[in-house]
Every structure is written in C-alpha cells, then in structure tokens.
Amino acid sequence: MDQVFSTIAHYIKTASLLDVVDILVVAFLIYHLLRFIHNTNVSNIVKGVLMLMVFFYISEFMNLNVINYVLKNTMQIGLIALIIVFQPELRKALENLGSNKLSTFLKREEDESELKKMIREVVEAASSMSWSHTGALIVFERKTLLSDIVTAATELDALATSELIKNIFFVKAPLHDGAMIIRGERILAAGCVLPLSENETLPKELGTRHRAGIGITEVTDAISLIVSEETGSISIAMGGEIKRNMAPSTVENLLTHELIVRPAEQDVKDKTRKWFGAWRAKEK
C-alpha cells in the first residue's frame, strides 16, 4: 500500500500542465458519455455489454476456446449493431461538434420565472381546451431526454404560449393528433408518437391519448398533461399513474412543484451531500 501511495505521489509531483489538461478532457468526455447513457435509456444495454466482456475474459482465462470464439465474434457484430441503433444520437452529436455548439452538451439551468410563465401559459391553454373539448397531450421532459421521440416528429423549438398551444391542438391542425413535448420553457416538438401503456388495470374508458400519456411516464420520468376530447377533463400522468378530473389551479400547483420546487430541493441536497463528503474526507 505504501508503494502505491509513493507511486501516486511521484506522478503528482512530476505532472505537467498538459497532463492536468489531458486528465480534465478525459474526465469531461467520460462524464458526458455517462450522461448520454443515462439520458437515452441505454443503461440495460451497457450492462449487457459489460457482462459479455466479463464472460469473454473469463472464457479466455479458463481456456474455453469455443465460448471465447463465439463471444469474440458476437462483440464485433454487437459493436456495429450499437452504431446502427444509436445512429441518430451520434449524428446529432457530430453535427453539434461540426457547428461548434459544444454548449449543447451542457445542461443549462432554466430560469425559474420563465418556467413559471411557461406553466401558466400551458394551464391557460389546457383550461381553454377543456372548455371547448379539444383533445390535447402535452409532455414535460425532465432528466430523461426524449430526443429519440423528437427525431421522428416535427421539431419546433418555440416559446410555449397559450395561443400557440391551442393552435397546434386545433382539431383541423395537422399536428393535433400527436403529443407535444416541452423542454424547459420551450416547445421542442409536436406531432410526436408515444408508446402506449400496456397496463391492463387502467379504466376501459381511457382511449389512445390517455394511454400514450401514461405510457411515456412508465418508461421515462416525464410528466404528461392530457385533455379529454370527450369529457373535457384535465388529467396528469406521472410514474405510470394518472390523476383525472383536475382543476386548472391544482394542475398549476402540481407542475410548479414537480418542475421547479423539487429540482431546486434536489440541487440543494446534492450540493450539501457533496460538501459533507468533502468535509468527511478532509477530517479523515
């Protein structure tokens, strides 16, 4: 152990400025790779790849030649398959690099007042559509990015206003049947196709719009707002569950708590935990 510490101390003493820059760049790339894995819901795929690698090295160590040969070729084919599966995300990343938009890799903090304004606009639109029995499905993106869904939809990148939302869901508008995705205070896309919930315990009267609104919350941490075309009732779906017949004021309070208050509280907790961890390490 002493030899390990002495080796580390030697590297620290002999490290140059370029070595520090090198480490920081690698750490930066690893951080964004891990965030990409988390945001695109590929954690299970990564676990599977890691298991294959473990089995590969075990078979190599134990001289299991047939298994080793099969795993080696499977991993080579799997690498090509991964590139094909994540081609849209990789293309988007390369486009950002080519246009020098590295800032798109960094998650900017949303201004609280802008988020509150967005919520008020959405609730105002939902209240109006509820009165006119105009069906609508609005999805609020949170930590899990919905880029794979947006790719197959109509991208807008427009400020969320009540009038724009009502125009998009107008019964004769070309995008009224699909879902709208909101990222931060802006409408990211409309006409989106969402996965339907396969929960057999849901009430039979819930149609495709409600099942799509619930379905996206089963596979991501998004929040869905659904306006029923038949009854005009407003519902909110979170975590695979739905709350129906909600008043506009209740919807506004719930969205404010879930999109603004809770993230702020979590940020404080994370900073406190980081400070406490550093303090404990210093004490030791």
Protein backbone atom coordinates (compact mmCIF):
# COMPACT_ATOMS: atom_id res chain seq x y z
CA MET A 1 0.00 0.00 0.00
CA ASP A 2 2.85 2.38 0.85
CA GLN A 3 4.37 1.66 -2.55
CA VAL A 4 1.08 2.57 -4.23
CA PHE A 5 0.89 5.89 -2.37
CA SER A 6 4.52 6.66 -3.16
CA THR A 7 3.88 5.95 -6.85
CA ILE A 8 0.85 8.25 -6.86
CA ALA A 9 2.83 10.97 -5.09
CA HIS A 10 5.60 10.61 -7.68
CA TYR A 11 3.14 11.08 -10.56
CA ILE A 12 1.58 14.12 -8.87
CA LYS A 13 4.98 15.76 -8.39
CA THR A 14 6.10 15.10 -11.95
CA ALA A 15 2.75 16.01 -13.58
CA SER A 16 2.87 18.93 -16.00
CA LEU A 17 0.15 21.36 -17.02
CA LEU A 18 -0.50 19.32 -20.17
CA ASP A 19 -1.05 16.21 -18.04
CA VAL A 20 -3.67 18.05 -15.99
CA VAL A 21 -5.40 19.26 -19.16
CA ASP A 22 -5.28 15.72 -20.54
CA ILE A 23 -6.96 14.30 -17.43
CA LEU A 24 -9.61 17.02 -17.39
CA VAL A 25 -10.51 16.42 -21.04
CA VAL A 26 -10.82 12.67 -20.48
CA ALA A 27 -12.94 13.26 -17.35
CA PHE A 28 -15.14 15.66 -19.35
CA LEU A 29 -15.68 13.07 -22.10
CA ILE A 30 -16.41 10.27 -19.62
CA TYR A 31 -18.90 12.47 -17.76
CA HIS A 32 -20.86 13.27 -20.92
CA LEU A 33 -20.69 9.64 -22.06
CA LEU A 34 -22.27 8.55 -18.77
CA ARG A 35 -24.88 11.30 -19.06
CA PHE A 36 -25.63 10.24 -22.63
CA ILE A 37 -26.14 6.66 -21.42
CA HIS A 38 -28.46 7.83 -18.66
CA ASN A 39 -30.49 10.23 -20.81
CA THR A 40 -31.07 7.81 -23.66
CA ASN A 41 -32.21 4.89 -21.51
CA VAL A 42 -29.43 2.53 -22.65
CA SER A 43 -28.24 1.53 -19.20
CA ASN A 44 -29.56 -2.04 -19.67
CA ILE A 45 -27.72 -2.33 -22.98
CA VAL A 46 -24.50 -1.14 -21.35
CA LYS A 47 -24.95 -3.69 -18.56
CA GLY A 48 -25.37 -6.40 -21.17
CA VAL A 49 -22.20 -5.33 -22.99
CA LEU A 50 -20.24 -5.30 -19.73
CA MET A 51 -21.49 -8.80 -18.88
CA LEU A 52 -20.38 -10.04 -22.31
CA MET A 53 -16.93 -8.54 -21.72
CA VAL A 54 -16.68 -10.20 -18.30
CA PHE A 55 -17.68 -13.58 -19.76
CA PHE A 56 -15.21 -13.05 -22.61
CA TYR A 57 -12.26 -12.52 -20.28
CA ILE A 58 -13.34 -15.39 -18.01
CA SER A 59 -13.52 -17.75 -21.00
CA GLU A 60 -10.11 -16.55 -22.17
CA PHE A 61 -8.62 -17.07 -18.71
CA MET A 62 -10.11 -20.59 -18.40
CA ASN A 63 -9.14 -21.55 -21.98
CA LEU A 64 -12.76 -22.13 -23.03
CA ASN A 65 -11.90 -21.75 -26.70
CA VAL A 66 -15.34 -22.31 -28.24
CA ILE A 67 -17.13 -19.91 -25.88
CA ASN A 68 -14.32 -17.40 -26.31
CA TYR A 69 -14.61 -17.58 -30.11
CA VAL A 70 -18.40 -17.11 -30.03
CA LEU A 71 -18.20 -14.17 -27.61
CA LYS A 72 -15.41 -12.53 -29.58
CA ASN A 73 -17.41 -12.58 -32.81
CA THR A 74 -20.62 -11.58 -31.02
CA MET A 75 -18.92 -8.49 -29.59
CA GLN A 76 -17.58 -7.49 -33.01
CA ILE A 77 -21.05 -7.74 -34.56
CA GLY A 78 -22.57 -6.06 -31.48
CA LEU A 79 -20.35 -3.00 -31.93
CA ILE A 80 -21.70 -2.48 -35.44
CA ALA A 81 -25.26 -3.04 -34.16
CA LEU A 82 -24.80 -0.39 -31.45
CA ILE A 83 -23.60 2.13 -34.02
CA ILE A 84 -26.70 1.45 -36.13
CA VAL A 85 -29.09 1.64 -33.15
CA PHE A 86 -27.68 4.94 -31.89
CA GLN A 87 -27.08 6.46 -35.31
CA PRO A 88 -29.49 9.42 -34.72
CA GLU A 89 -27.83 10.36 -31.42
CA LEU A 90 -24.32 10.01 -32.86
CA ARG A 91 -25.26 12.09 -35.91
CA LYS A 92 -26.71 14.82 -33.70
CA ALA A 93 -23.54 14.87 -31.57
CA LEU A 94 -21.30 15.16 -34.64
CA GLU A 95 -23.48 17.94 -36.05
CA ASN A 96 -23.09 19.85 -32.79
CA LEU A 97 -19.32 19.38 -32.88
CA GLY A 98 -19.16 20.48 -36.50
CA SER A 99 -21.08 23.68 -35.77
CA ASN A 100 -19.04 24.43 -32.63
CA LYS A 101 -22.12 24.13 -30.44
CA LEU A 102 -20.39 22.33 -27.60
CA SER A 103 -22.66 24.19 -25.23
CA THR A 104 -25.49 21.88 -26.25
CA PHE A 105 -23.74 19.15 -24.26
CA LEU A 106 -24.02 21.23 -21.11
CA LYS A 107 -27.31 21.31 -19.28
CA ARG A 108 -28.17 24.93 -18.68
CA GLU A 109 -30.16 25.91 -15.63
CA GLU A 110 -33.66 27.03 -16.53
CA ASP A 111 -34.71 30.43 -15.24
CA GLU A 112 -37.37 29.95 -12.57
CA SER A 113 -39.50 32.88 -13.69
CA GLU A 114 -39.54 31.60 -17.29
CA LEU A 115 -40.62 28.15 -16.12
CA LYS A 116 -43.43 29.65 -14.05
CA LYS A 117 -44.55 31.66 -17.06
CA MET A 118 -44.49 28.53 -19.23
CA ILE A 119 -46.62 26.64 -16.69
CA ARG A 120 -49.16 29.47 -16.55
CA GLU A 121 -49.39 29.52 -20.36
CA VAL A 122 -49.87 25.74 -20.53
CA VAL A 123 -52.54 25.75 -17.80
CA GLU A 124 -54.35 28.63 -19.52
CA ALA A 125 -54.34 26.70 -22.80
CA ALA A 126 -55.45 23.48 -21.07
CA SER A 127 -58.31 25.30 -19.34
CA SER A 128 -59.48 26.77 -22.65
CA MET A 129 -59.22 23.41 -24.46
CA SER A 130 -61.06 21.74 -21.60
CA TRP A 131 -63.95 24.17 -22.04
CA SER A 132 -64.07 23.58 -25.83
CA HIS A 133 -63.49 19.80 -25.52
CA THR A 134 -60.33 19.97 -27.61
CA GLY A 135 -58.15 16.90 -27.10
CA ALA A 136 -54.51 17.54 -26.18
CA LEU A 137 -51.45 15.68 -24.94
CA ILE A 138 -48.51 17.70 -23.56
CA VAL A 139 -45.37 16.01 -22.24
CA PHE A 140 -42.93 17.82 -19.95
CA GLU A 141 -39.40 16.49 -20.34
CA ARG A 142 -37.33 16.21 -17.16
CA LYS A 143 -33.98 14.45 -16.61
CA THR A 144 -34.57 11.75 -19.22
CA LEU A 145 -34.25 13.35 -22.66
CA LEU A 146 -36.86 12.42 -25.25
CA SER A 147 -34.60 13.01 -28.26
CA ASP A 148 -35.43 9.65 -29.86
CA ILE A 149 -39.13 10.58 -29.94
CA VAL A 150 -38.46 14.11 -31.20
CA THR A 151 -36.39 12.77 -34.12
CA ALA A 152 -39.48 11.19 -35.69
CA ALA A 153 -41.73 14.23 -35.03
CA THR A 154 -41.97 17.85 -36.17
CA GLU A 155 -39.37 19.92 -34.33
CA LEU A 156 -40.48 23.43 -33.41
CA ASP A 157 -38.20 24.95 -30.74
CA ALA A 158 -40.71 27.70 -29.99
CA LEU A 159 -41.61 29.60 -26.85
CA ALA A 160 -44.56 27.95 -25.11
CA THR A 161 -47.52 30.32 -25.30
CA SER A 162 -51.20 29.65 -24.76
CA GLU A 163 -52.19 30.72 -28.27
CA LEU A 164 -49.56 28.56 -29.97
CA ILE A 165 -50.53 25.50 -27.92
CA LYS A 166 -54.23 25.96 -28.78
CA ASN A 167 -53.41 26.41 -32.47
CA ILE A 168 -51.33 23.21 -32.56
CA PHE A 169 -54.14 21.16 -30.97
CA PHE A 170 -56.91 22.77 -33.03
CA VAL A 171 -58.97 19.89 -34.41
CA LYS A 172 -58.15 20.68 -38.06
CA ALA A 173 -54.44 21.39 -37.46
CA PRO A 174 -52.06 18.81 -38.98
CA LEU A 175 -50.30 18.10 -35.65
CA HIS A 176 -53.32 17.92 -33.34
CA ASP A 177 -53.37 14.10 -33.07
CA GLY A 178 -49.80 13.75 -31.78
CA ALA A 179 -48.17 14.73 -28.49
CA MET A 180 -46.36 17.97 -27.76
CA ILE A 181 -43.03 17.83 -25.92
CA ILE A 182 -41.88 20.75 -23.79
CA ARG A 183 -38.24 21.09 -22.72
CA GLY A 184 -37.65 23.85 -20.21
CA GLU A 185 -39.85 26.77 -21.22
CA ARG A 186 -39.91 25.94 -24.95
CA ILE A 187 -41.99 23.66 -27.14
CA LEU A 188 -39.47 21.19 -28.50
CA ALA A 189 -41.69 19.25 -30.92
CA ALA A 190 -45.27 18.41 -31.84
CA GLY A 191 -46.99 15.53 -33.60
CA CYS A 192 -44.98 13.06 -31.52
CA VAL A 193 -45.87 9.36 -31.36
CA LEU A 194 -45.59 7.94 -27.83
CA PRO A 195 -45.52 4.35 -26.55
CA LEU A 196 -48.91 3.16 -25.31
CA SER A 197 -49.32 1.83 -21.80
CA GLU A 198 -49.96 -1.91 -21.60
CA ASN A 199 -51.31 -1.68 -18.05
CA GLU A 200 -54.43 -3.89 -18.09
CA THR A 201 -55.75 -2.36 -14.86
CA LEU A 202 -56.40 1.04 -16.43
CA PRO A 203 -60.07 2.03 -16.79
CA LYS A 204 -61.58 0.82 -20.04
CA GLU A 205 -62.90 4.28 -20.95
CA LEU A 206 -59.37 5.66 -21.33
CA GLY A 207 -58.54 6.00 -25.02
CA THR A 208 -55.32 6.10 -27.02
CA ARG A 209 -54.44 9.67 -25.96
CA HIS A 210 -54.59 8.80 -22.26
CA ARG A 211 -52.75 5.50 -22.71
CA ALA A 212 -49.98 7.29 -24.63
CA GLY A 213 -49.76 9.93 -21.91
CA ILE A 214 -49.40 7.22 -19.26
CA GLY A 215 -47.10 5.07 -21.40
CA ILE A 216 -44.36 7.71 -21.75
CA THR A 217 -44.31 8.15 -17.96
CA GLU A 218 -43.81 4.41 -17.49
CA VAL A 219 -40.52 4.39 -19.42
CA THR A 220 -39.22 7.89 -18.56
CA ASP A 221 -39.51 10.43 -15.73
CA ALA A 222 -41.61 12.76 -17.89
CA ILE A 223 -44.94 14.28 -16.83
CA SER A 224 -47.97 14.21 -19.14
CA LEU A 225 -50.94 16.57 -19.25
CA ILE A 226 -53.96 15.17 -21.05
CA VAL A 227 -57.15 16.99 -22.05
CA SER A 228 -60.01 14.65 -22.93
CA GLU A 229 -61.81 15.34 -26.19
CA GLU A 230 -64.94 13.52 -24.97
CA THR A 231 -65.36 14.95 -21.46
CA GLY A 232 -63.03 17.96 -21.44
CA SER A 233 -61.46 16.76 -18.19
CA ILE A 234 -57.77 17.51 -17.47
CA SER A 235 -55.52 14.71 -16.25
CA ILE A 236 -51.89 14.45 -15.17
CA ALA A 237 -49.81 11.26 -15.58
CA MET A 238 -46.61 10.58 -13.62
CA GLY A 239 -44.68 7.39 -12.96
CA GLY A 240 -47.22 5.26 -14.81
CA GLU A 241 -50.15 6.58 -12.76
CA ILE A 242 -52.84 9.08 -13.72
CA LYS A 243 -54.78 11.71 -11.78
CA ARG A 244 -58.03 12.61 -13.50
CA ASN A 245 -60.58 15.45 -13.42
CA MET A 246 -58.12 18.02 -12.06
CA ALA A 247 -58.88 21.73 -11.66
CA PRO A 248 -56.57 24.14 -13.54
CA SER A 249 -55.29 25.62 -10.26
CA THR A 250 -54.39 22.14 -8.98
CA VAL A 251 -52.61 21.38 -12.25
CA GLU A 252 -50.58 24.60 -11.96
CA ASN A 253 -49.57 23.83 -8.37
CA LEU A 254 -48.59 20.26 -9.23
CA LEU A 255 -46.50 21.26 -12.25
CA THR A 256 -44.80 24.03 -10.26
CA HIS A 257 -43.89 21.57 -7.53
CA GLU A 258 -42.64 18.86 -9.90
CA LEU A 259 -40.79 21.05 -12.43
CA ILE A 260 -39.41 23.84 -10.20
CA VAL A 261 -39.58 23.16 -6.45
CA ARG A 262 -38.43 19.54 -6.38
CA PRO A 263 -35.47 20.03 -8.78
CA ALA A 264 -34.32 23.01 -6.69
CA GLU A 265 -34.57 20.98 -3.48
CA GLN A 266 -32.64 18.12 -5.10
CA ASP A 267 -29.93 20.54 -6.22
CA VAL A 268 -29.52 21.78 -2.64
CA LYS A 269 -29.39 18.20 -1.35
CA ASP A 270 -26.76 17.25 -3.92
CA LYS A 271 -24.59 20.26 -3.03
CA THR A 272 -24.96 19.53 0.70
CA ARG A 273 -24.08 15.87 0.19
CA LYS A 274 -21.03 16.85 -1.88
CA TRP A 275 -19.87 19.37 0.75
CA PHE A 276 -20.39 16.88 3.59
CA GLY A 277 -18.50 14.17 1.69
CA ALA A 278 -15.57 16.52 1.09
CA TRP A 279 -15.62 17.56 4.77
CA ARG A 280 -15.55 13.95 5.96
CA ALA A 281 -12.68 13.12 3.60
CA LYS A 282 -10.76 16.13 4.94
CA GLU A 283 -11.36 15.05 8.54
CA LYS A 284 -10.02 11.57 7.81
